[in-house]
Protein backbone atom coordinates (compact mmCIF):
# COMPACT_ATOMS: atom_id res chain seq x y z
CA UNK A 1 46.04 -38.62 6.42
CA UNK A 2 47.14 -35.65 4.08
CA UNK A 3 47.04 -31.83 4.96
CA UNK A 4 44.70 -31.32 1.91
CA UNK A 5 41.90 -34.23 3.55
CA UNK A 6 42.70 -32.30 6.94
CA UNK A 7 42.19 -28.55 5.60
CA UNK A 8 38.89 -30.40 3.79
CA UNK A 9 37.46 -32.03 6.82
CA UNK A 10 38.37 -28.71 9.00
CA UNK A 11 36.28 -26.84 6.08
CA UNK A 12 33.22 -29.30 6.55
CA UNK A 13 32.77 -28.97 9.77
CA UNK A 14 33.14 -25.38 10.14
CA UNK A 15 30.49 -24.73 7.65
CA UNK A 16 27.79 -26.92 9.35
CA UNK A 17 26.47 -23.59 11.31
CA UNK A 18 26.81 -21.71 8.60
CA UNK A 19 24.81 -23.96 6.47
CA UNK A 20 22.05 -24.56 9.12
CA UNK A 21 21.71 -20.75 9.69
CA UNK A 22 21.06 -20.25 6.09
CA UNK A 23 18.49 -23.10 5.90
CA UNK A 24 17.05 -22.19 9.10
CA UNK A 25 16.75 -17.84 7.81
CA UNK A 26 15.30 -19.25 4.21
CA UNK A 27 12.59 -22.14 6.33
CA UNK A 28 11.47 -19.65 7.99
CA UNK A 29 11.27 -17.15 5.12
CA UNK A 30 9.18 -19.90 2.98
CA UNK A 31 6.01 -18.55 2.11
CA UNK A 32 4.03 -17.50 -0.68
CA UNK A 33 5.28 -13.72 -0.80
CA UNK A 34 1.36 -12.12 -1.87
CA UNK A 35 1.34 -8.78 -0.06
CA UNK A 36 1.02 -5.13 -0.72
CA UNK A 37 1.41 -3.27 -4.44
CA UNK A 38 3.43 -0.20 -4.06
CA UNK A 39 -0.22 1.63 -3.62
CA UNK A 40 -1.00 -0.47 -0.36
CA UNK A 41 -3.09 -2.94 -1.79
CA UNK A 42 -2.72 -6.49 -2.20
CA UNK A 43 -1.20 -7.16 -5.51
CA UNK A 44 1.63 -7.09 -8.38
CA UNK A 45 3.71 -3.93 -8.60
CA UNK A 46 0.75 -1.22 -8.90
CA UNK A 47 -2.01 -3.13 -9.94
CA UNK A 48 -4.56 -4.81 -7.64
CA UNK A 49 -5.15 -8.98 -7.66
CA UNK A 50 -7.78 -11.00 -6.21
CA UNK A 51 -4.99 -12.22 -3.57
CA UNK A 52 -6.25 -11.75 -0.39
CA UNK A 53 -4.67 -10.22 3.35
CA UNK A 54 -5.31 -13.37 5.16
CA UNK A 55 -8.32 -12.91 7.66
CA UNK A 56 -7.47 -11.45 10.97
CA UNK A 57 -4.43 -9.98 9.47
CA UNK A 58 -2.90 -6.81 9.69
CA UNK A 59 -0.23 -5.28 7.22
CA UNK A 60 1.71 -2.29 7.05
CA UNK A 61 4.07 -0.71 5.66
CA UNK A 62 5.92 2.08 3.29
CA UNK A 63 7.06 2.79 -0.04
CA UNK A 64 9.13 5.36 -2.25
CA UNK A 65 7.42 5.94 -5.02
CA UNK A 66 9.24 8.01 -7.99
CA UNK A 67 8.14 11.51 -8.39
CA UNK A 68 6.27 10.74 -12.29
CA UNK A 69 4.10 8.15 -11.01
CA UNK A 70 2.79 8.79 -7.70
CA UNK A 71 0.22 11.50 -9.03
CA UNK A 72 -0.31 13.79 -5.99
CA UNK A 73 -0.87 17.32 -7.12
CA UNK A 74 1.65 18.55 -4.27
CA UNK A 75 4.98 18.50 -6.31
CA UNK A 76 7.29 17.31 -8.44
CA UNK A 77 10.04 14.92 -5.76
CA UNK A 78 8.98 11.66 -4.65
CA UNK A 79 6.06 10.77 -2.30
CA UNK A 80 6.18 8.41 0.72
CA UNK A 81 3.02 6.19 0.66
CA UNK A 82 2.05 5.10 4.04
CA UNK A 83 -0.03 2.02 4.57
CA UNK A 84 -2.11 0.17 7.11
CA UNK A 85 -4.68 -2.91 5.34
CA UNK A 86 -6.42 -4.88 7.43
CA UNK A 87 -8.27 -8.66 6.49
CA UNK A 88 -11.40 -9.82 8.45
CA UNK A 89 -13.63 -11.74 7.89
CA UNK A 90 -12.45 -13.29 5.98
CA UNK A 91 -13.70 -12.47 2.55
CA UNK A 92 -13.27 -8.52 3.11
CA UNK A 93 -9.86 -6.78 3.08
CA UNK A 94 -9.86 -2.26 3.95
CA UNK A 95 -6.66 -0.55 3.72
CA UNK A 96 -6.02 3.53 4.92
CA UNK A 97 -3.28 4.88 2.61
CA UNK A 98 -1.38 8.17 3.56
CA UNK A 99 0.55 10.30 0.00
CA UNK A 100 2.87 12.51 1.24
CA UNK A 101 5.53 14.47 -1.21
CA UNK A 102 8.70 14.73 -0.24
CA UNK A 103 9.68 18.33 1.00
CA UNK A 104 6.13 19.71 -0.40
CA UNK A 105 4.81 22.84 1.42
CA UNK A 106 1.27 22.91 2.09
CA UNK A 107 0.02 19.17 1.79
CA UNK A 108 -0.86 19.43 5.21
CA UNK A 109 -1.61 15.79 6.81
CA UNK A 110 -1.30 14.51 3.25
CA UNK A 111 -3.87 12.67 0.67
CA UNK A 112 -5.52 9.91 2.49
CA UNK A 113 -7.53 7.04 0.78
CA UNK A 114 -9.36 4.32 1.72
CA UNK A 115 -10.14 1.23 0.03
CA UNK A 116 -12.88 -1.62 0.35
CA UNK A 117 -12.47 -4.66 -1.50
CA UNK A 118 -14.61 -7.97 -1.65
CA UNK A 119 -14.11 -11.49 -2.82
CA UNK A 120 -16.76 -12.52 -4.05
CA UNK A 121 -15.51 -15.99 -5.30
CA UNK A 122 -12.44 -18.31 -4.45
CA UNK A 123 -10.03 -20.00 -6.48
CA UNK A 124 -10.76 -23.60 -6.92
CA UNK A 125 -9.28 -26.37 -9.62
CA UNK A 126 -10.96 -25.07 -12.15
CA UNK A 127 -11.71 -20.80 -11.46
CA UNK A 128 -10.32 -18.28 -10.49
CA UNK A 129 -10.55 -15.95 -7.37
CA UNK A 130 -12.54 -13.06 -8.42
CA UNK A 131 -12.22 -9.82 -6.12
CA UNK A 132 -14.43 -6.33 -6.78
CA UNK A 133 -12.84 -3.06 -4.95
CA UNK A 134 -13.68 0.35 -4.69
CA UNK A 135 -10.57 3.13 -4.28
CA UNK A 136 -10.67 6.56 -2.72
CA UNK A 137 -14.54 6.87 -2.16
CA UNK A 138 -14.07 9.82 -0.38
CA UNK A 139 -12.45 13.16 -0.04
CA UNK A 140 -9.87 14.12 -2.84
CA UNK A 141 -10.55 11.25 -4.86
CA UNK A 142 -7.14 11.80 -6.95
CA UNK A 143 -6.58 7.83 -6.44
CA UNK A 144 -10.03 6.59 -7.18
CA UNK A 145 -10.87 3.43 -9.20
CA UNK A 146 -13.79 0.69 -9.15
CA UNK A 147 -12.57 -2.64 -10.39
CA UNK A 148 -13.33 -5.99 -10.95
CA UNK A 149 -9.96 -8.31 -10.93
CA UNK A 150 -9.19 -12.63 -10.87
CA UNK A 151 -6.45 -14.57 -10.09
CA UNK A 152 -5.51 -17.65 -10.57
CA UNK A 153 -2.43 -20.02 -10.34
CA UNK A 154 -1.82 -21.63 -14.21
CA UNK A 155 0.90 -23.73 -13.16
CA UNK A 156 3.57 -25.33 -10.98
CA UNK A 157 7.21 -25.54 -13.23
CA UNK A 158 9.85 -27.57 -11.45
CA UNK A 159 12.54 -24.36 -12.79
CA UNK A 160 9.67 -20.88 -12.74
CA UNK A 161 8.05 -22.49 -9.42
CA UNK A 162 4.80 -20.90 -8.93
CA UNK A 163 3.12 -19.07 -11.58
CA UNK A 164 0.10 -16.62 -11.10
CA UNK A 165 -2.43 -14.94 -14.39
CA UNK A 166 -3.78 -11.96 -12.70
CA UNK A 167 -6.64 -10.05 -15.08
CA UNK A 168 -8.67 -7.11 -14.22
CA UNK A 169 -10.85 -4.22 -15.67
CA UNK A 170 -11.54 -0.74 -14.00
CA UNK A 171 -14.63 1.07 -14.84
CA UNK A 172 -16.53 4.32 -14.66
CA UNK A 173 -19.04 2.79 -12.47
CA UNK A 174 -20.13 5.59 -9.98
CA UNK A 175 -21.18 9.07 -10.18
CA UNK A 176 -18.88 10.90 -7.75
CA UNK A 177 -16.38 13.84 -9.41
CA UNK A 178 -13.22 12.53 -8.90
CA UNK A 179 -9.78 14.35 -9.47
CA UNK A 180 -7.77 11.21 -11.13
CA UNK A 181 -7.94 7.49 -11.83
CA UNK A 182 -6.42 4.87 -11.40
CA UNK A 183 -6.50 1.01 -13.55
CA UNK A 184 -9.13 3.32 -15.98
CA UNK A 185 -9.75 -0.44 -18.43
CA UNK A 186 -8.20 -3.39 -18.59
CA UNK A 187 -5.07 -4.41 -16.59
CA UNK A 188 -3.25 -7.28 -15.68
CA UNK A 189 -0.09 -9.12 -15.03
CA UNK A 190 2.03 -12.28 -14.14
CA UNK A 191 3.36 -13.60 -11.25
CA UNK A 192 6.50 -16.33 -10.86
CA UNK A 193 7.63 -17.77 -7.91
CA UNK A 194 10.86 -19.29 -8.42
CA UNK A 195 11.32 -19.79 -4.22
CA UNK A 196 8.60 -19.68 -1.83
CA UNK A 197 10.45 -15.92 -0.36
CA UNK A 198 11.26 -14.80 -4.47
CA UNK A 199 8.08 -13.71 -6.56
CA UNK A 200 9.06 -12.15 -9.68
CA UNK A 201 6.56 -9.70 -10.82
CA UNK A 202 5.43 -8.06 -14.21
CA UNK A 203 2.34 -6.17 -14.47
CA UNK A 204 0.39 -3.82 -17.62
CA UNK A 205 -1.46 -1.27 -15.64
CA UNK A 206 -4.16 -0.13 -18.00
CA UNK A 207 -1.42 2.45 -19.33
CA UNK A 208 2.84 1.39 -18.87
CA UNK A 209 4.37 -1.63 -18.38
CA UNK A 210 5.84 -2.14 -14.77
CA UNK A 211 8.18 -5.12 -13.66
CA UNK A 212 9.32 -5.91 -9.70
CA UNK A 213 10.86 -8.21 -7.71
CA UNK A 214 9.36 -9.15 -3.81
CA UNK A 215 11.21 -11.15 -1.26
CA UNK A 216 9.97 -12.17 1.97
CA UNK A 217 12.15 -12.39 4.95
CA UNK A 218 11.61 -13.96 8.51
CA UNK A 219 8.05 -14.72 7.64
CA UNK A 220 6.39 -11.10 8.19
CA UNK A 221 8.93 -8.41 6.48
CA UNK A 222 8.14 -8.40 3.24
CA UNK A 223 10.39 -5.90 0.57
CA UNK A 224 9.32 -4.55 -3.04
CA UNK A 225 11.85 -3.21 -5.59
CA UNK A 226 9.91 -1.97 -8.47
CA UNK A 227 10.01 -0.07 -11.96
CA UNK A 228 7.29 1.71 -13.50
CA UNK A 229 7.47 1.87 -17.50
CA UNK A 230 11.01 -0.22 -16.77
CA UNK A 231 12.86 2.61 -16.17
CA UNK A 232 11.95 4.71 -12.91
CA UNK A 233 13.00 2.85 -9.27
CA UNK A 234 10.97 2.58 -6.57
CA UNK A 235 10.25 0.65 -3.43
CA UNK A 236 9.85 -0.68 -0.11
CA UNK A 237 9.14 -2.51 3.13
CA UNK A 238 5.68 -4.47 4.82
CA UNK A 239 5.39 -5.80 7.55
CA UNK A 240 2.95 -8.61 8.43
CA UNK A 241 1.10 -8.37 11.96
CA UNK A 242 -1.09 -11.64 12.94
CA UNK A 243 -3.91 -10.57 14.95
CA UNK A 244 -4.40 -13.80 16.70
């Protein structure tokens, strides 16, 4: 056997543990990446979708949001958005969110927001899932929103993988006095999953275009990187904990 053939054989033997380890990591990560948006709600970059947190599942995490896009009145620095979202019943999702502007005085604990989402229609072969939701119904109502949104997997393409379409509308459907609104008007987006552990995101949030990528690591950890208005960087990490 020539030296070249010996070297190739040694390389094949040595690379097997590396290949096996990589395959294991990818297998553990191989789940569709429906997770929390920058706003703490199940969605794309910022907009909510009709995807829901799984029944008896708690999602927690934190995102750093660019100073031009968190809408907080407490300062012009970037904001840290911490969230906890609970899925149960299995058609209800309740979220708690705390928004704190970095190095901003006089903000106390920060702005607290409660969101409630109800799935009124499950996705079928020919129909989308439909969810109605309300954000920030009490307190300062800086991030108030009431909306309906539909989501549907529209294709499975060999190169692109699963392609999802999401379309919603936010309306002024309450008489509450609010300080700020989100998703006020028609919003929508597309999600493309070329691999089970990665999803590419594009959306229009009723004001601007945003894009992002979401990765799932070891089943329970998600990483989100996003560009607001296709130029301002935000992102963070989430963790999924089953309550079974």
